[in-house]
């Protein structure tokens, strides 16, 4: 009986470690940045992997063409959001997996 209790306590400790690794990864990803730039360089977006926009830089030319600016923003934001989402999910899954206890049969 006590062996099982010891195993259970060990697993609880591993789960806590996994949770801590996930939280540390989230904090790191708040400060890791992605950049999306249009091919012609008229628009650039800087976003954290945790999907917080930090900066948008655009050319004077785009300020003169509202429709083009809107199109550029939609395309660039969708691309960078997709990149951030994929990287965020992969890194959190990896952090959780690394910290999880090894349970036979799982």
PDB file of N, CA and C in Angstrom:
ATOM      1  N   UNK A   1       0.816  -1.196   0.000  1.00  0.00           N
ATOM      2  CA  UNK A   1       0.000   0.000   0.000  1.00  0.00           C
ATOM      3  C   UNK A   1       0.861   1.261   0.000  1.00  0.00           C
ATOM      4  N   UNK A   2       1.923   1.256   0.828  1.00  0.00           N
ATOM      5  CA  UNK A   2       2.749   2.444   0.910  1.00  0.00           C
ATOM      6  C   UNK A   2       3.544   2.672  -0.370  1.00  0.00           C
ATOM      7  N   UNK A   3       3.882   1.575  -1.069  1.00  0.00           N
ATOM      8  CA  UNK A   3       4.575   1.720  -2.344  1.00  0.00           C
ATOM      9  C   UNK A   3       3.711   2.460  -3.350  1.00  0.00           C
ATOM     10  N   UNK A   4       2.433   2.138  -3.387  1.00  0.00           N
ATOM     11  CA  UNK A   4       1.514   2.823  -4.292  1.00  0.00           C
ATOM     12  C   UNK A   4       1.372   4.294  -3.932  1.00  0.00           C
ATOM     13  N   UNK A   5       1.344   4.589  -2.640  1.00  0.00           N
ATOM     14  CA  UNK A   5       1.234   5.971  -2.184  1.00  0.00           C
ATOM     15  C   UNK A   5       2.477   6.753  -2.603  1.00  0.00           C
ATOM     16  N   UNK A   6       3.631   6.100  -2.475  1.00  0.00           N
ATOM     17  CA  UNK A   6       4.889   6.738  -2.863  1.00  0.00           C
ATOM     18  C   UNK A   6       4.892   7.012  -4.370  1.00  0.00           C
ATOM     19  N   UNK A   7       4.417   6.036  -5.159  1.00  0.00           N
ATOM     20  CA  UNK A   7       4.327   6.213  -6.609  1.00  0.00           C
ATOM     21  C   UNK A   7       3.389   7.372  -6.946  1.00  0.00           C
ATOM     22  N   UNK A   8       2.263   7.431  -6.235  1.00  0.00           N
ATOM     23  CA  UNK A   8       1.271   8.480  -6.477  1.00  0.00           C
ATOM     24  C   UNK A   8       1.866   9.852  -6.160  1.00  0.00           C
ATOM     25  N   UNK A   9       2.599   9.951  -5.073  1.00  0.00           N
ATOM     26  CA  UNK A   9       3.233  11.220  -4.699  1.00  0.00           C
ATOM     27  C   UNK A   9       4.280  11.616  -5.740  1.00  0.00           C
ATOM     28  N   UNK A  10       5.000  10.618  -6.243  1.00  0.00           N
ATOM     29  CA  UNK A  10       5.991  10.893  -7.288  1.00  0.00           C
ATOM     30  C   UNK A  10       5.334  11.411  -8.554  1.00  0.00           C
ATOM     31  N   UNK A  11       4.213  10.809  -8.915  1.00  0.00           N
ATOM     32  CA  UNK A  11       3.478  11.271 -10.104  1.00  0.00           C
ATOM     33  C   UNK A  11       2.945  12.686  -9.912  1.00  0.00           C
ATOM     34  N   UNK A  12       2.449  12.970  -8.712  1.00  0.00           N
ATOM     35  CA  UNK A  12       1.935  14.315  -8.433  1.00  0.00           C
ATOM     36  C   UNK A  12       3.064  15.342  -8.559  1.00  0.00           C
ATOM     37  N   UNK A  13       4.236  14.976  -8.078  1.00  0.00           N
ATOM     38  CA  UNK A  13       5.386  15.865  -8.211  1.00  0.00           C
ATOM     39  C   UNK A  13       5.753  16.094  -9.660  1.00  0.00           C
ATOM     40  N   UNK A  14       5.706  15.029 -10.468  1.00  0.00           N
ATOM     41  CA  UNK A  14       6.011  15.143 -11.907  1.00  0.00           C
ATOM     42  C   UNK A  14       4.977  16.028 -12.603  1.00  0.00           C
ATOM     43  N   UNK A  15       3.711  15.870 -12.232  1.00  0.00           N
ATOM     44  CA  UNK A  15       2.656  16.698 -12.831  1.00  0.00           C
ATOM     45  C   UNK A  15       2.872  18.168 -12.489  1.00  0.00           C
ATOM     46  N   UNK A  16       3.287  18.431 -11.265  1.00  0.00           N
ATOM     47  CA  UNK A  16       3.569  19.811 -10.861  1.00  0.00           C
ATOM     48  C   UNK A  16       4.747  20.364 -11.659  1.00  0.00           C
ATOM     49  N   UNK A  17       5.779  19.525 -11.863  1.00  0.00           N
ATOM     50  CA  UNK A  17       6.923  19.940 -12.674  1.00  0.00           C
ATOM     51  C   UNK A  17       6.494  20.251 -14.103  1.00  0.00           C
ATOM     52  N   UNK A  18       5.612  19.415 -14.657  1.00  0.00           N
ATOM     53  CA  UNK A  18       5.125  19.627 -16.018  1.00  0.00           C
ATOM     54  C   UNK A  18       4.379  20.953 -16.106  1.00  0.00           C
ATOM     55  N   UNK A  19       3.553  21.216 -15.120  1.00  0.00           N
ATOM     56  CA  UNK A  19       2.798  22.475 -15.101  1.00  0.00           C
ATOM     57  C   UNK A  19       3.754  23.667 -15.024  1.00  0.00           C
ATOM     58  N   UNK A  20       4.796  23.540 -14.210  1.00  0.00           N
ATOM     59  CA  UNK A  20       5.778  24.611 -14.086  1.00  0.00           C
ATOM     60  C   UNK A  20       6.514  24.831 -15.404  1.00  0.00           C
ATOM     61  N   UNK A  21       6.874  23.728 -16.098  1.00  0.00           N
ATOM     62  CA  UNK A  21       7.553  23.856 -17.394  1.00  0.00           C
ATOM     63  C   UNK A  21       6.661  24.564 -18.412  1.00  0.00           C
ATOM     64  N   UNK A  22       5.375  24.236 -18.405  1.00  0.00           N
ATOM     65  CA  UNK A  22       4.431  24.882 -19.321  1.00  0.00           C
ATOM     66  C   UNK A  22       4.366  26.378 -19.020  1.00  0.00           C
ATOM     67  N   UNK A  23       4.273  26.743 -17.749  1.00  0.00           N
ATOM     68  CA  UNK A  23       4.211  28.162 -17.378  1.00  0.00           C
ATOM     69  C   UNK A  23       5.492  28.898 -17.764  1.00  0.00           C
ATOM     70  N   UNK A  24       6.642  28.263 -17.550  1.00  0.00           N
ATOM     71  CA  UNK A  24       7.912  28.867 -17.951  1.00  0.00           C
ATOM     72  C   UNK A  24       7.973  29.053 -19.468  1.00  0.00           C
ATOM     73  N   UNK A  25       7.461  28.084 -20.207  1.00  0.00           N
ATOM     74  CA  UNK A  25       7.440  28.175 -21.665  1.00  0.00           C
ATOM     75  C   UNK A  25       6.535  29.319 -22.103  1.00  0.00           C
ATOM     76  N   UNK A  26       5.378  29.461 -21.482  1.00  0.00           N
ATOM     77  CA  UNK A  26       4.473  30.566 -21.814  1.00  0.00           C
ATOM     78  C   UNK A  26       5.156  31.912 -21.603  1.00  0.00           C
ATOM     79  N   UNK A  27       5.855  32.054 -20.492  1.00  0.00           N
ATOM     80  CA  UNK A  27       6.562  33.305 -20.203  1.00  0.00           C
ATOM     81  C   UNK A  27       7.636  33.570 -21.256  1.00  0.00           C
ATOM     82  N   UNK A  28       8.381  32.529 -21.617  1.00  0.00           N
ATOM     83  CA  UNK A  28       9.429  32.686 -22.637  1.00  0.00           C
ATOM     84  C   UNK A  28       8.826  33.096 -23.971  1.00  0.00           C
ATOM     85  N   UNK A  29       7.688  32.492 -24.336  1.00  0.00           N
ATOM     86  CA  UNK A  29       7.072  32.782 -25.628  1.00  0.00           C
ATOM     87  C   UNK A  29       6.456  34.184 -25.674  1.00  0.00           C
ATOM     88  N   UNK A  30       6.176  34.772 -24.507  1.00  0.00           N
ATOM     89  CA  UNK A  30       5.725  36.168 -24.466  1.00  0.00           C
ATOM     90  C   UNK A  30       6.830  37.105 -24.940  1.00  0.00           C
ATOM     91  N   UNK A  31       8.079  36.645 -24.828  1.00  0.00           N
ATOM     92  CA  UNK A  31       9.233  37.482 -25.160  1.00  0.00           C
ATOM     93  C   UNK A  31      10.013  36.971 -26.360  1.00  0.00           C
ATOM     94  N   UNK A  32       9.418  36.063 -27.097  1.00  0.00           N
ATOM     95  CA  UNK A  32      10.029  35.554 -28.332  1.00  0.00           C
ATOM     96  C   UNK A  32       9.174  36.085 -29.486  1.00  0.00           C
ATOM     97  N   UNK A  33       9.827  36.663 -30.485  1.00  0.00           N
ATOM     98  CA  UNK A  33       9.082  37.382 -31.514  1.00  0.00           C
ATOM     99  C   UNK A  33       9.201  36.769 -32.906  1.00  0.00           C
ATOM    100  N   UNK A  34       8.122  36.936 -33.642  1.00  0.00           N
ATOM    101  CA  UNK A  34       8.070  36.582 -35.056  1.00  0.00           C
ATOM    102  C   UNK A  34       7.909  37.875 -35.849  1.00  0.00           C
ATOM    103  N   UNK A  35       8.390  37.858 -37.080  1.00  0.00           N
ATOM    104  CA  UNK A  35       8.245  39.016 -37.965  1.00  0.00           C
ATOM    105  C   UNK A  35       7.601  38.538 -39.253  1.00  0.00           C
ATOM    106  N   UNK A  36       6.663  39.317 -39.742  1.00  0.00           N
ATOM    107  CA  UNK A  36       6.051  39.043 -41.041  1.00  0.00           C
ATOM    108  C   UNK A  36       6.188  40.299 -41.875  1.00  0.00           C
ATOM    109  N   UNK A  37       6.806  40.149 -43.011  1.00  0.00           N
ATOM    110  CA  UNK A  37       7.033  41.296 -43.895  1.00  0.00           C
ATOM    111  C   UNK A  37       6.491  40.954 -45.275  1.00  0.00           C
ATOM    112  N   UNK A  38       5.827  41.912 -45.892  1.00  0.00           N
ATOM    113  CA  UNK A  38       5.360  41.684 -47.252  1.00  0.00           C
ATOM    114  C   UNK A  38       6.555  41.621 -48.190  1.00  0.00           C
ATOM    115  N   UNK A  39       6.368  40.961 -49.326  1.00  0.00           N
ATOM    116  CA  UNK A  39       7.479  40.781 -50.273  1.00  0.00           C
ATOM    117  C   UNK A  39       8.061  42.116 -50.728  1.00  0.00           C
ATOM    118  N   UNK A  40       7.208  43.112 -50.881  1.00  0.00           N
ATOM    119  CA  UNK A  40       7.683  44.418 -51.343  1.00  0.00           C
ATOM    120  C   UNK A  40       8.158  45.320 -50.197  1.00  0.00           C
ATOM    121  N   UNK A  41       8.069  44.817 -48.960  1.00  0.00           N
ATOM    122  CA  UNK A  41       8.568  45.562 -47.811  1.00  0.00           C
ATOM    123  C   UNK A  41       7.694  46.719 -47.357  1.00  0.00           C
ATOM    124  N   UNK A  42       6.487  46.812 -47.859  1.00  0.00           N
ATOM    125  CA  UNK A  42       5.623  47.939 -47.505  1.00  0.00           C
ATOM    126  C   UNK A  42       4.978  47.799 -46.131  1.00  0.00           C
ATOM    127  N   UNK A  43       4.958  46.585 -45.603  1.00  0.00           N
ATOM    128  CA  UNK A  43       4.317  46.346 -44.310  1.00  0.00           C
ATOM    129  C   UNK A  43       5.097  45.281 -43.555  1.00  0.00           C
ATOM    130  N   UNK A  44       5.339  45.547 -42.265  1.00  0.00           N
ATOM    131  CA  UNK A  44       5.994  44.560 -41.415  1.00  0.00           C
ATOM    132  C   UNK A  44       5.272  44.517 -40.070  1.00  0.00           C
ATOM    133  N   UNK A  45       5.084  43.306 -39.566  1.00  0.00           N
ATOM    134  CA  UNK A  45       4.422  43.104 -38.280  1.00  0.00           C
ATOM    135  C   UNK A  45       5.369  42.339 -37.370  1.00  0.00           C
ATOM    136  N   UNK A  46       5.466  42.792 -36.131  1.00  0.00           N
ATOM    137  CA  UNK A  46       6.242  42.092 -35.109  1.00  0.00           C
ATOM    138  C   UNK A  46       5.240  41.622 -34.054  1.00  0.00           C
ATOM    139  N   UNK A  47       5.245  40.308 -33.796  1.00  0.00           N
ATOM    140  CA  UNK A  47       4.299  39.719 -32.859  1.00  0.00           C
ATOM    141  C   UNK A  47       5.024  38.697 -31.997  1.00  0.00           C
ATOM    142  N   UNK A  48       4.627  38.626 -30.724  1.00  0.00           N
ATOM    143  CA  UNK A  48       5.191  37.583 -29.867  1.00  0.00           C
ATOM    144  C   UNK A  48       4.573  36.250 -30.269  1.00  0.00           C
ATOM    145  N   UNK A  49       5.259  35.173 -29.946  1.00  0.00           N
ATOM    146  CA  UNK A  49       4.740  33.842 -30.247  1.00  0.00           C
ATOM    147  C   UNK A  49       3.427  33.618 -29.492  1.00  0.00           C
ATOM    148  N   UNK A  50       3.250  34.320 -28.384  1.00  0.00           N
ATOM    149  CA  UNK A  50       1.993  34.211 -27.632  1.00  0.00           C
ATOM    150  C   UNK A  50       0.898  35.103 -28.223  1.00  0.00           C
ATOM    151  N   UNK A  51       1.123  35.599 -29.422  1.00  0.00           N
ATOM    152  CA  UNK A  51       0.147  36.290 -30.259  1.00  0.00           C
ATOM    153  C   UNK A  51      -0.234  37.690 -29.769  1.00  0.00           C
ATOM    154  N   UNK A  52       0.742  38.407 -29.265  1.00  0.00           N
ATOM    155  CA  UNK A  52       0.538  39.811 -28.914  1.00  0.00           C
ATOM    156  C   UNK A  52       1.296  40.653 -29.929  1.00  0.00           C
ATOM    157  N   UNK A  53       0.592  41.530 -30.609  1.00  0.00           N
ATOM    158  CA  UNK A  53       1.235  42.390 -31.603  1.00  0.00           C
ATOM    159  C   UNK A  53       2.033  43.461 -30.876  1.00  0.00           C
ATOM    160  N   UNK A  54       3.295  43.618 -31.280  1.00  0.00           N
ATOM    161  CA  UNK A  54       4.169  44.601 -30.647  1.00  0.00           C
ATOM    162  C   UNK A  54       4.449  45.789 -31.547  1.00  0.00           C
ATOM    163  N   UNK A  55       4.379  45.575 -32.857  1.00  0.00           N
ATOM    164  CA  UNK A  55       4.704  46.687 -33.747  1.00  0.00           C
ATOM    165  C   UNK A  55       4.167  46.403 -35.148  1.00  0.00           C
ATOM    166  N   UNK A  56       3.692  47.455 -35.779  1.00  0.00           N
ATOM    167  CA  UNK A  56       3.316  47.401 -37.197  1.00  0.00           C
ATOM    168  C   UNK A  56       3.996  48.588 -37.864  1.00  0.00           C
ATOM    169  N   UNK A  57       4.779  48.293 -38.883  1.00  0.00           N
ATOM    170  CA  UNK A  57       5.471  49.334 -39.642  1.00  0.00           C
ATOM    171  C   UNK A  57       4.951  49.284 -41.072  1.00  0.00           C
ATOM    172  N   UNK A  58       4.588  50.457 -41.594  1.00  0.00           N
ATOM    173  CA  UNK A  58       4.103  50.487 -42.971  1.00  0.00           C
ATOM    174  C   UNK A  58       4.631  51.694 -43.713  1.00  0.00           C
ATOM    175  N   UNK A  59       4.656  51.555 -45.027  1.00  0.00           N
ATOM    176  CA  UNK A  59       5.193  52.614 -45.868  1.00  0.00           C
ATOM    177  C   UNK A  59       4.167  53.745 -46.022  1.00  0.00           C
ATOM    178  N   UNK A  60       4.680  54.908 -46.337  1.00  0.00           N
ATOM    179  CA  UNK A  60       3.822  56.068 -46.600  1.00  0.00           C
ATOM    180  C   UNK A  60       2.856  55.769 -47.751  1.00  0.00           C
ATOM    181  N   UNK A  61       3.340  55.015 -48.712  1.00  0.00           N
ATOM    182  CA  UNK A  61       2.529  54.664 -49.888  1.00  0.00           C
ATOM    183  C   UNK A  61       1.238  53.955 -49.474  1.00  0.00           C
ATOM    184  N   UNK A  62       1.330  53.060 -48.484  1.00  0.00           N
ATOM    185  CA  UNK A  62       0.136  52.339 -48.045  1.00  0.00           C
ATOM    186  C   UNK A  62      -0.879  53.262 -47.376  1.00  0.00           C
ATOM    187  N   UNK A  63      -0.390  54.329 -46.775  1.00  0.00           N
ATOM    188  CA  UNK A  63      -1.308  55.283 -46.142  1.00  0.00           C
ATOM    189  C   UNK A  63      -2.178  56.008 -47.167  1.00  0.00           C
ATOM    190  N   UNK A  64      -1.732  56.004 -48.408  1.00  0.00           N
ATOM    191  CA  UNK A  64      -2.481  56.684 -49.465  1.00  0.00           C
ATOM    192  C   UNK A  64      -3.538  55.791 -50.106  1.00  0.00           C
ATOM    193  N   UNK A  65      -3.485  54.501 -49.834  1.00  0.00           N
ATOM    194  CA  UNK A  65      -4.401  53.548 -50.481  1.00  0.00           C
ATOM    195  C   UNK A  65      -5.043  52.664 -49.414  1.00  0.00           C
ATOM    196  N   UNK A  66      -6.185  53.095 -48.932  1.00  0.00           N
ATOM    197  CA  UNK A  66      -6.880  52.409 -47.838  1.00  0.00           C
ATOM    198  C   UNK A  66      -7.166  50.940 -48.167  1.00  0.00           C
ATOM    199  N   UNK A  67      -7.636  50.667 -49.361  1.00  0.00           N
ATOM    200  CA  UNK A  67      -7.984  49.299 -49.747  1.00  0.00           C
ATOM    201  C   UNK A  67      -6.749  48.392 -49.764  1.00  0.00           C
ATOM    202  N   UNK A  68      -5.662  48.897 -50.324  1.00  0.00           N
ATOM    203  CA  UNK A  68      -4.428  48.115 -50.357  1.00  0.00           C
ATOM    204  C   UNK A  68      -3.916  47.873 -48.939  1.00  0.00           C
ATOM    205  N   UNK A  69      -3.967  48.886 -48.096  1.00  0.00           N
ATOM    206  CA  UNK A  69      -3.533  48.741 -46.709  1.00  0.00           C
ATOM    207  C   UNK A  69      -4.345  47.662 -45.998  1.00  0.00           C
ATOM    208  N   UNK A  70      -5.646  47.697 -46.172  1.00  0.00           N
ATOM    209  CA  UNK A  70      -6.508  46.686 -45.553  1.00  0.00           C
ATOM    210  C   UNK A  70      -6.143  45.289 -46.035  1.00  0.00           C
ATOM    211  N   UNK A  71      -5.946  45.150 -47.352  1.00  0.00           N
ATOM    212  CA  UNK A  71      -5.575  43.839 -47.909  1.00  0.00           C
ATOM    213  C   UNK A  71      -4.248  43.344 -47.334  1.00  0.00           C
ATOM    214  N   UNK A  72      -3.270  44.234 -47.280  1.00  0.00           N
ATOM    215  CA  UNK A  72      -1.953  43.874 -46.740  1.00  0.00           C
ATOM    216  C   UNK A  72      -2.068  43.446 -45.283  1.00  0.00           C
ATOM    217  N   UNK A  73      -2.824  44.212 -44.509  1.00  0.00           N
ATOM    218  CA  UNK A  73      -2.977  43.874 -43.090  1.00  0.00           C
ATOM    219  C   UNK A  73      -3.637  42.518 -42.903  1.00  0.00           C
ATOM    220  N   UNK A  74      -4.695  42.259 -43.633  1.00  0.00           N
ATOM    221  CA  UNK A  74      -5.395  40.975 -43.504  1.00  0.00           C
ATOM    222  C   UNK A  74      -4.454  39.824 -43.846  1.00  0.00           C
ATOM    223  N   UNK A  75      -3.760  39.927 -44.970  1.00  0.00           N
ATOM    224  CA  UNK A  75      -2.861  38.849 -45.386  1.00  0.00           C
ATOM    225  C   UNK A  75      -1.707  38.650 -44.401  1.00  0.00           C
ATOM    226  N   UNK A  76      -1.047  39.741 -44.035  1.00  0.00           N
ATOM    227  CA  UNK A  76       0.115  39.634 -43.150  1.00  0.00           C
ATOM    228  C   UNK A  76      -0.289  39.169 -41.752  1.00  0.00           C
ATOM    229  N   UNK A  77      -1.392  39.682 -41.235  1.00  0.00           N
ATOM    230  CA  UNK A  77      -1.840  39.262 -39.898  1.00  0.00           C
ATOM    231  C   UNK A  77      -2.240  37.793 -39.884  1.00  0.00           C
ATOM    232  N   UNK A  78      -2.925  37.342 -40.909  1.00  0.00           N
ATOM    233  CA  UNK A  78      -3.297  35.926 -40.963  1.00  0.00           C
ATOM    234  C   UNK A  78      -2.069  35.028 -41.017  1.00  0.00           C
ATOM    235  N   UNK A  79      -1.062  35.419 -41.790  1.00  0.00           N
ATOM    236  CA  UNK A  79       0.160  34.613 -41.886  1.00  0.00           C
ATOM    237  C   UNK A  79       0.894  34.553 -40.555  1.00  0.00           C
ATOM    238  N   UNK A  80       1.078  35.690 -39.921  1.00  0.00           N
ATOM    239  CA  UNK A  80       1.852  35.701 -38.675  1.00  0.00           C
ATOM    240  C   UNK A  80       1.068  35.037 -37.542  1.00  0.00           C
ATOM    241  N   UNK A  81      -0.247  35.189 -37.532  1.00  0.00           N
ATOM    242  CA  UNK A  81      -1.060  34.514 -36.514  1.00  0.00           C
ATOM    243  C   UNK A  81      -0.963  32.996 -36.650  1.00  0.00           C
ATOM    244  N   UNK A  82      -0.970  32.509 -37.866  1.00  0.00           N
ATOM    245  CA  UNK A  82      -0.859  31.068 -38.094  1.00  0.00           C
ATOM    246  C   UNK A  82       0.509  30.556 -37.636  1.00  0.00           C
ATOM    247  N   UNK A  83       1.572  31.290 -37.981  1.00  0.00           N
ATOM    248  CA  UNK A  83       2.920  30.906 -37.546  1.00  0.00           C
ATOM    249  C   UNK A  83       2.997  30.865 -36.018  1.00  0.00           C
ATOM    250  N   UNK A  84       2.479  31.909 -35.385  1.00  0.00           N
ATOM    251  CA  UNK A  84       2.539  32.000 -33.929  1.00  0.00           C
ATOM    252  C   UNK A  84       1.741  30.877 -33.278  1.00  0.00           C
ATOM    253  N   UNK A  85       0.575  30.604 -33.807  1.00  0.00           N
ATOM    254  CA  UNK A  85      -0.278  29.547 -33.248  1.00  0.00           C
ATOM    255  C   UNK A  85       0.418  28.191 -33.305  1.00  0.00           C
ATOM    256  N   UNK A  86       0.982  27.877 -34.446  1.00  0.00           N
ATOM    257  CA  UNK A  86       1.660  26.589 -34.620  1.00  0.00           C
ATOM    258  C   UNK A  86       2.847  26.474 -33.665  1.00  0.00           C
ATOM    259  N   UNK A  87       3.689  27.498 -33.613  1.00  0.00           N
ATOM    260  CA  UNK A  87       4.867  27.452 -32.747  1.00  0.00           C
ATOM    261  C   UNK A  87       4.455  27.386 -31.276  1.00  0.00           C
ATOM    262  N   UNK A  88       3.459  28.170 -30.875  1.00  0.00           N
ATOM    263  CA  UNK A  88       2.990  28.200 -29.486  1.00  0.00           C
ATOM    264  C   UNK A  88       2.489  26.820 -29.065  1.00  0.00           C
ATOM    265  N   UNK A  89       1.633  26.233 -29.884  1.00  0.00           N
ATOM    266  CA  UNK A  89       1.073  24.920 -29.555  1.00  0.00           C
ATOM    267  C   UNK A  89       2.152  23.844 -29.507  1.00  0.00           C
ATOM    268  N   UNK A  90       3.087  23.866 -30.453  1.00  0.00           N
ATOM    269  CA  UNK A  90       4.157  22.871 -30.473  1.00  0.00           C
ATOM    270  C   UNK A  90       5.045  22.978 -29.238  1.00  0.00           C
ATOM    271  N   UNK A  91       5.407  24.192 -28.880  1.00  0.00           N
ATOM    272  CA  UNK A  91       6.306  24.365 -27.745  1.00  0.00           C
ATOM    273  C   UNK A  91       5.629  24.037 -26.418  1.00  0.00           C
ATOM    274  N   UNK A  92       4.347  24.386 -26.272  1.00  0.00           N
ATOM    275  CA  UNK A  92       3.643  24.036 -25.040  1.00  0.00           C
ATOM    276  C   UNK A  92       3.446  22.525 -24.937  1.00  0.00           C
ATOM    277  N   UNK A  93       3.118  21.890 -26.046  1.00  0.00           N
ATOM    278  CA  UNK A  93       2.945  20.435 -26.037  1.00  0.00           C
ATOM    279  C   UNK A  93       4.253  19.752 -25.670  1.00  0.00           C
ATOM    280  N   UNK A  94       5.358  20.244 -26.201  1.00  0.00           N
ATOM    281  CA  UNK A  94       6.669  19.677 -25.900  1.00  0.00           C
ATOM    282  C   UNK A  94       7.022  19.873 -24.423  1.00  0.00           C
ATOM    283  N   UNK A  95       6.750  21.061 -23.897  1.00  0.00           N
ATOM    284  CA  UNK A  95       7.034  21.327 -22.481  1.00  0.00           C
ATOM    285  C   UNK A  95       6.208  20.414 -21.585  1.00  0.00           C
ATOM    286  N   UNK A  96       4.944  20.226 -21.917  1.00  0.00           N
ATOM    287  CA  UNK A  96       4.074  19.367 -21.111  1.00  0.00           C
ATOM    288  C   UNK A  96       4.527  17.915 -21.200  1.00  0.00           C
ATOM    289  N   UNK A  97       4.861  17.482 -22.406  1.00  0.00           N
ATOM    290  CA  UNK A  97       5.283  16.098 -22.625  1.00  0.00           C
ATOM    291  C   UNK A  97       6.574  15.797 -21.860  1.00  0.00           C
ATOM    292  N   UNK A  98       7.521  16.716 -21.915  1.00  0.00           N
ATOM    293  CA  UNK A  98       8.801  16.513 -21.236  1.00  0.00           C
ATOM    294  C   UNK A  98       8.639  16.384 -19.726  1.00  0.00           C
ATOM    295  N   UNK A  99       7.652  17.058 -19.176  1.00  0.00           N
ATOM    296  CA  UNK A  99       7.486  17.045 -17.736  1.00  0.00           C
ATOM    297  C   UNK A  99       6.555  15.972 -17.209  1.00  0.00           C
ATOM    298  N   UNK A 100       5.876  15.276 -18.100  1.00  0.00           N
ATOM    299  CA  UNK A 100       4.893  14.288 -17.657  1.00  0.00           C
ATOM    300  C   UNK A 100       5.572  13.018 -17.136  1.00  0.00           C
ATOM    301  N   UNK A 101       4.971  12.431 -16.099  1.00  0.00           N
ATOM    302  CA  UNK A 101       5.520  11.163 -15.607  1.00  0.00           C
ATOM    303  C   UNK A 101       5.313  10.068 -16.634  1.00  0.00           C
ATOM    304  N   UNK A 102       6.203   9.091 -16.628  1.00  0.00           N
ATOM    305  CA  UNK A 102       6.083   7.962 -17.540  1.00  0.00           C
ATOM    306  C   UNK A 102       5.104   6.950 -16.940  1.00  0.00           C
ATOM    307  N   UNK A 103       3.936   6.862 -17.528  1.00  0.00           N
ATOM    308  CA  UNK A 103       2.901   5.960 -17.030  1.00  0.00           C
ATOM    309  C   UNK A 103       2.821   4.774 -17.985  1.00  0.00           C
ATOM    310  N   UNK A 104       3.045   3.578 -17.485  1.00  0.00           N
ATOM    311  CA  UNK A 104       3.009   2.394 -18.356  1.00  0.00           C
ATOM    312  C   UNK A 104       1.669   2.294 -19.077  1.00  0.00           C
ATOM    313  N   UNK A 105       1.731   1.984 -20.363  1.00  0.00           N
ATOM    314  CA  UNK A 105       0.508   1.807 -21.148  1.00  0.00           C
ATOM    315  C   UNK A 105      -0.043   3.087 -21.738  1.00  0.00           C
ATOM    316  N   UNK A 106       0.604   4.215 -21.486  1.00  0.00           N
ATOM    317  CA  UNK A 106       0.091   5.480 -22.025  1.00  0.00           C
ATOM    318  C   UNK A 106       1.095   6.075 -22.985  1.00  0.00           C
TER     319      UNK A 106
END
